[in-house]
Amino acid sequence: MLKIDNLSCQKGYNLLFNRLSFEVNPGDILRITGTNGSGKTSLLKILSGLDAQEQSCVSLDSHAVKSEAYQEEIFYLGHLSALSGELSALENLEFLTGLNKSTNQIQLIKALSNIGLKGYEDEYCAKLSAGQKRRVILAGLFISNAKVWLLDEPFTALDPDGVAIIERRINKHCEQGGLCLFTTHQSSTLPNQKALAL
């Protein structure tokens, strides 16, 4: 269970959210909504351990954020595609999943195929469209063994087929006992999703 207790976040003079408390259980899909600048990305960064604010207010199965036991169960996907145009889709994915020691090239190729990039493995990312670049990043969802997925605007730049692929993957992850928190300004057909408004 991911537990957030009395969490606050302030950026400069702006209080983004205050005394925020909620729990996310295995199998849960939580959609985080709010206007631009409401704190959606800041919340995911705190939960991922990238932002040290109020870290004592966040725990996963009693393990505090930033602890090794917590961090190994977190998969965070930011809204910006951190890709090198000078590397191929396969090379970028290999770099992005480099912390997963058990990943091999066959798994990487299969992940790219699952995300709809079969035949693009050796294409330089500089030549890919915005949607294809986003798919390279999202291919990590087919490799990650983490229990908690924190996805910031995962559907950005995707066509309807790409959105459907990601929704099916999220749904399968949660059916198998994982949990997912995501932000989006787009409509989502994910079943049984809960909502948190900031």
Protein backbone atom coordinates (compact mmCIF):
# COMPACT_ATOMS: atom_id res chain seq x y z
CA MET A 1 0.00 0.00 0.00
CA LEU A 2 1.24 3.48 -0.91
CA LYS A 3 0.36 5.88 1.90
CA ILE A 4 0.51 9.67 1.79
CA ASP A 5 -0.12 11.39 5.12
CA ASN A 6 -0.56 15.12 5.62
CA LEU A 7 1.65 16.05 2.65
CA SER A 8 2.20 19.66 1.63
CA CYS A 9 4.12 21.22 -1.24
CA GLN A 10 5.14 24.83 -1.70
CA LYS A 11 7.06 26.28 -4.66
CA GLY A 12 8.39 29.73 -3.86
CA TYR A 13 5.45 31.70 -2.50
CA ASN A 14 2.89 29.33 -4.04
CA LEU A 15 1.28 26.64 -1.89
CA LEU A 16 0.40 23.93 -4.41
CA PHE A 17 -1.35 21.58 -1.99
CA ASN A 18 -1.65 21.30 1.76
CA ARG A 19 -2.34 18.46 4.21
CA LEU A 20 -2.91 15.97 1.41
CA SER A 21 -3.66 12.44 2.64
CA PHE A 22 -4.69 9.35 0.68
CA GLU A 23 -3.88 5.67 0.17
CA VAL A 24 -3.41 3.64 -3.01
CA ASN A 25 -3.83 -0.12 -2.69
CA PRO A 26 -2.70 -2.98 -4.95
CA GLY A 27 -4.87 -3.04 -8.07
CA ASP A 28 -5.78 0.65 -7.82
CA ILE A 29 -5.56 3.08 -10.74
CA LEU A 30 -5.52 6.71 -9.56
CA ARG A 31 -5.96 9.53 -12.05
CA ILE A 32 -4.62 12.84 -10.75
CA THR A 33 -6.41 15.84 -12.19
CA GLY A 34 -6.02 19.59 -11.92
CA THR A 35 -5.25 22.74 -13.85
CA ASN A 36 -1.77 23.61 -15.12
CA GLY A 37 0.43 24.47 -12.16
CA SER A 38 -1.80 22.80 -9.58
CA GLY A 39 0.98 20.47 -8.41
CA LYS A 40 0.35 17.22 -10.31
CA THR A 41 3.94 16.84 -11.51
CA SER A 42 5.31 18.00 -8.14
CA LEU A 43 3.25 15.33 -6.38
CA LEU A 44 4.56 12.56 -8.63
CA LYS A 45 8.14 13.77 -8.15
CA ILE A 46 7.73 13.69 -4.37
CA LEU A 47 6.28 10.17 -4.57
CA SER A 48 9.11 9.05 -6.87
CA GLY A 49 11.78 10.30 -4.48
CA LEU A 50 13.09 12.91 -6.93
CA ASP A 51 11.85 15.74 -4.71
CA ALA A 52 12.93 15.52 -1.08
CA GLN A 53 10.07 17.62 0.29
CA GLU A 54 8.13 16.12 3.17
CA GLN A 55 9.65 12.71 2.56
CA SER A 56 8.55 11.38 5.95
CA CYS A 57 4.91 11.72 4.83
CA VAL A 58 5.21 9.09 2.10
CA SER A 59 5.62 5.33 2.56
CA LEU A 60 5.14 2.07 0.70
CA ASP A 61 4.35 -0.93 2.91
CA SER A 62 5.90 0.97 5.85
CA HIS A 63 9.10 1.76 3.87
CA ALA A 64 9.83 5.50 3.71
CA VAL A 65 10.43 7.25 0.39
CA LYS A 66 14.14 7.39 -0.49
CA SER A 67 14.80 4.09 1.29
CA GLU A 68 16.20 1.32 -0.88
CA ALA A 69 13.17 -0.90 -0.30
CA TYR A 70 10.87 1.93 -1.41
CA GLN A 71 12.83 3.07 -4.44
CA GLU A 72 13.23 -0.38 -5.97
CA GLU A 73 9.44 -0.64 -6.25
CA ILE A 74 9.00 2.70 -8.06
CA PHE A 75 8.84 3.28 -11.82
CA TYR A 76 8.61 6.99 -12.66
CA LEU A 77 7.90 8.33 -16.12
CA GLY A 78 8.20 12.10 -16.55
CA HIS A 79 6.29 14.11 -19.12
CA LEU A 80 9.45 14.99 -21.08
CA SER A 81 11.08 12.43 -23.36
CA ALA A 82 14.72 12.17 -22.26
CA LEU A 83 16.09 10.62 -25.43
CA SER A 84 19.34 11.06 -27.36
CA GLY A 85 18.75 11.71 -31.04
CA GLU A 86 22.16 10.21 -31.77
CA LEU A 87 21.12 6.80 -30.39
CA SER A 88 18.71 4.29 -31.88
CA ALA A 89 15.39 3.44 -30.30
CA LEU A 90 16.92 0.21 -28.97
CA GLU A 91 20.01 1.95 -27.61
CA ASN A 92 17.91 4.62 -25.87
CA LEU A 93 15.68 2.00 -24.28
CA GLU A 94 18.73 0.01 -23.19
CA PHE A 95 20.13 3.12 -21.50
CA LEU A 96 16.81 4.05 -19.87
CA THR A 97 16.38 0.57 -18.40
CA GLY A 98 20.05 0.16 -17.50
CA LEU A 99 19.29 -0.07 -13.78
CA ASN A 100 17.38 -3.30 -14.41
CA LYS A 101 20.29 -5.75 -14.46
CA SER A 102 18.15 -8.65 -15.68
CA THR A 103 17.08 -6.92 -18.93
CA ASN A 104 18.53 -8.36 -22.13
CA GLN A 105 18.30 -7.30 -25.76
CA ILE A 106 15.55 -9.79 -26.57
CA GLN A 107 13.35 -8.22 -23.86
CA LEU A 108 14.10 -4.73 -25.20
CA ILE A 109 13.19 -5.69 -28.77
CA LYS A 110 9.97 -7.33 -27.55
CA ALA A 111 9.08 -4.23 -25.53
CA LEU A 112 9.51 -2.01 -28.61
CA SER A 113 7.36 -4.41 -30.60
CA ASN A 114 4.66 -4.39 -27.89
CA ILE A 115 4.54 -0.60 -27.98
CA GLY A 116 4.14 -0.57 -31.78
CA LEU A 117 7.72 0.10 -32.86
CA LYS A 118 8.56 -3.18 -34.56
CA GLY A 119 11.02 -2.42 -37.35
CA TYR A 120 12.19 0.81 -35.72
CA GLU A 121 14.68 -0.75 -33.31
CA ASP A 122 17.74 0.58 -35.20
CA GLU A 123 16.22 3.92 -36.26
CA TYR A 124 17.92 6.98 -34.81
CA CYS A 125 15.55 8.75 -32.44
CA ALA A 126 16.27 12.07 -34.17
CA LYS A 127 14.33 10.70 -37.16
CA LEU A 128 11.30 9.53 -35.16
CA SER A 129 8.07 11.49 -34.78
CA ALA A 130 7.06 12.95 -31.41
CA GLY A 131 4.63 10.07 -30.88
CA GLN A 132 7.25 7.46 -31.76
CA LYS A 133 9.73 9.03 -29.36
CA ARG A 134 7.11 8.89 -26.64
CA ARG A 135 6.56 5.21 -27.40
CA VAL A 136 10.29 4.51 -26.93
CA ILE A 137 10.02 5.90 -23.39
CA LEU A 138 6.76 4.06 -22.71
CA ALA A 139 8.29 0.76 -23.80
CA GLY A 140 9.77 0.73 -20.31
CA LEU A 141 6.30 -0.25 -19.05
CA PHE A 142 6.78 -3.63 -20.73
CA ILE A 143 10.05 -4.18 -18.86
CA SER A 144 9.49 -2.70 -15.39
CA ASN A 145 8.91 -5.09 -12.49
CA ALA A 146 8.19 -2.24 -10.06
CA LYS A 147 4.94 -2.41 -8.10
CA VAL A 148 4.22 1.33 -8.26
CA TRP A 149 3.97 3.18 -11.57
CA LEU A 150 4.01 6.99 -11.47
CA LEU A 151 3.21 8.28 -14.95
CA ASP A 152 3.19 11.98 -15.75
CA GLU A 153 1.10 12.65 -18.89
CA PRO A 154 1.74 9.18 -20.39
CA PHE A 155 -0.63 9.78 -23.34
CA THR A 156 1.09 12.94 -24.61
CA ALA A 157 1.71 12.87 -28.40
CA LEU A 158 0.15 9.40 -28.77
CA ASP A 159 -2.45 8.51 -31.37
CA PRO A 160 -5.58 6.57 -30.32
CA ASP A 161 -3.86 3.21 -30.96
CA GLY A 162 -0.94 4.23 -28.75
CA VAL A 163 -3.28 5.35 -25.98
CA ALA A 164 -5.11 2.01 -26.17
CA ILE A 165 -1.82 0.07 -25.90
CA ILE A 166 -0.81 2.00 -22.77
CA GLU A 167 -4.23 1.67 -21.16
CA ARG A 168 -4.19 -2.10 -21.69
CA ARG A 169 -0.70 -2.30 -20.19
CA ILE A 170 -1.67 -0.24 -17.14
CA ASN A 171 -4.81 -2.33 -16.66
CA LYS A 172 -2.84 -5.60 -16.84
CA HIS A 173 -0.24 -4.30 -14.38
CA CYS A 174 -2.94 -3.43 -11.85
CA GLU A 175 -4.84 -6.68 -12.40
CA GLN A 176 -1.61 -8.44 -11.37
CA GLY A 177 -1.45 -6.53 -8.08
CA GLY A 178 0.46 -3.43 -9.13
CA LEU A 179 -0.78 0.10 -8.69
CA CYS A 180 -0.65 3.13 -10.95
CA LEU A 181 -0.93 6.87 -10.42
CA PHE A 182 -1.06 9.00 -13.56
CA THR A 183 -1.79 12.53 -14.69
CA THR A 184 -3.46 13.45 -17.96
CA HIS A 185 -5.48 16.19 -19.58
CA GLN A 186 -6.87 13.69 -22.07
CA SER A 187 -9.88 11.42 -21.69
CA SER A 188 -9.16 7.91 -20.42
CA THR A 189 -11.19 4.74 -20.69
CA LEU A 190 -9.29 2.86 -18.00
CA PRO A 191 -11.82 0.84 -15.99
CA ASN A 192 -12.38 1.37 -12.27
CA GLN A 193 -10.04 4.34 -12.09
CA LYS A 194 -10.29 6.62 -9.09
CA ALA A 195 -9.69 10.35 -9.25
CA LEU A 196 -7.74 12.79 -7.10
CA ALA A 197 -8.23 16.49 -7.86
CA LEU A 198 -5.52 19.01 -6.94
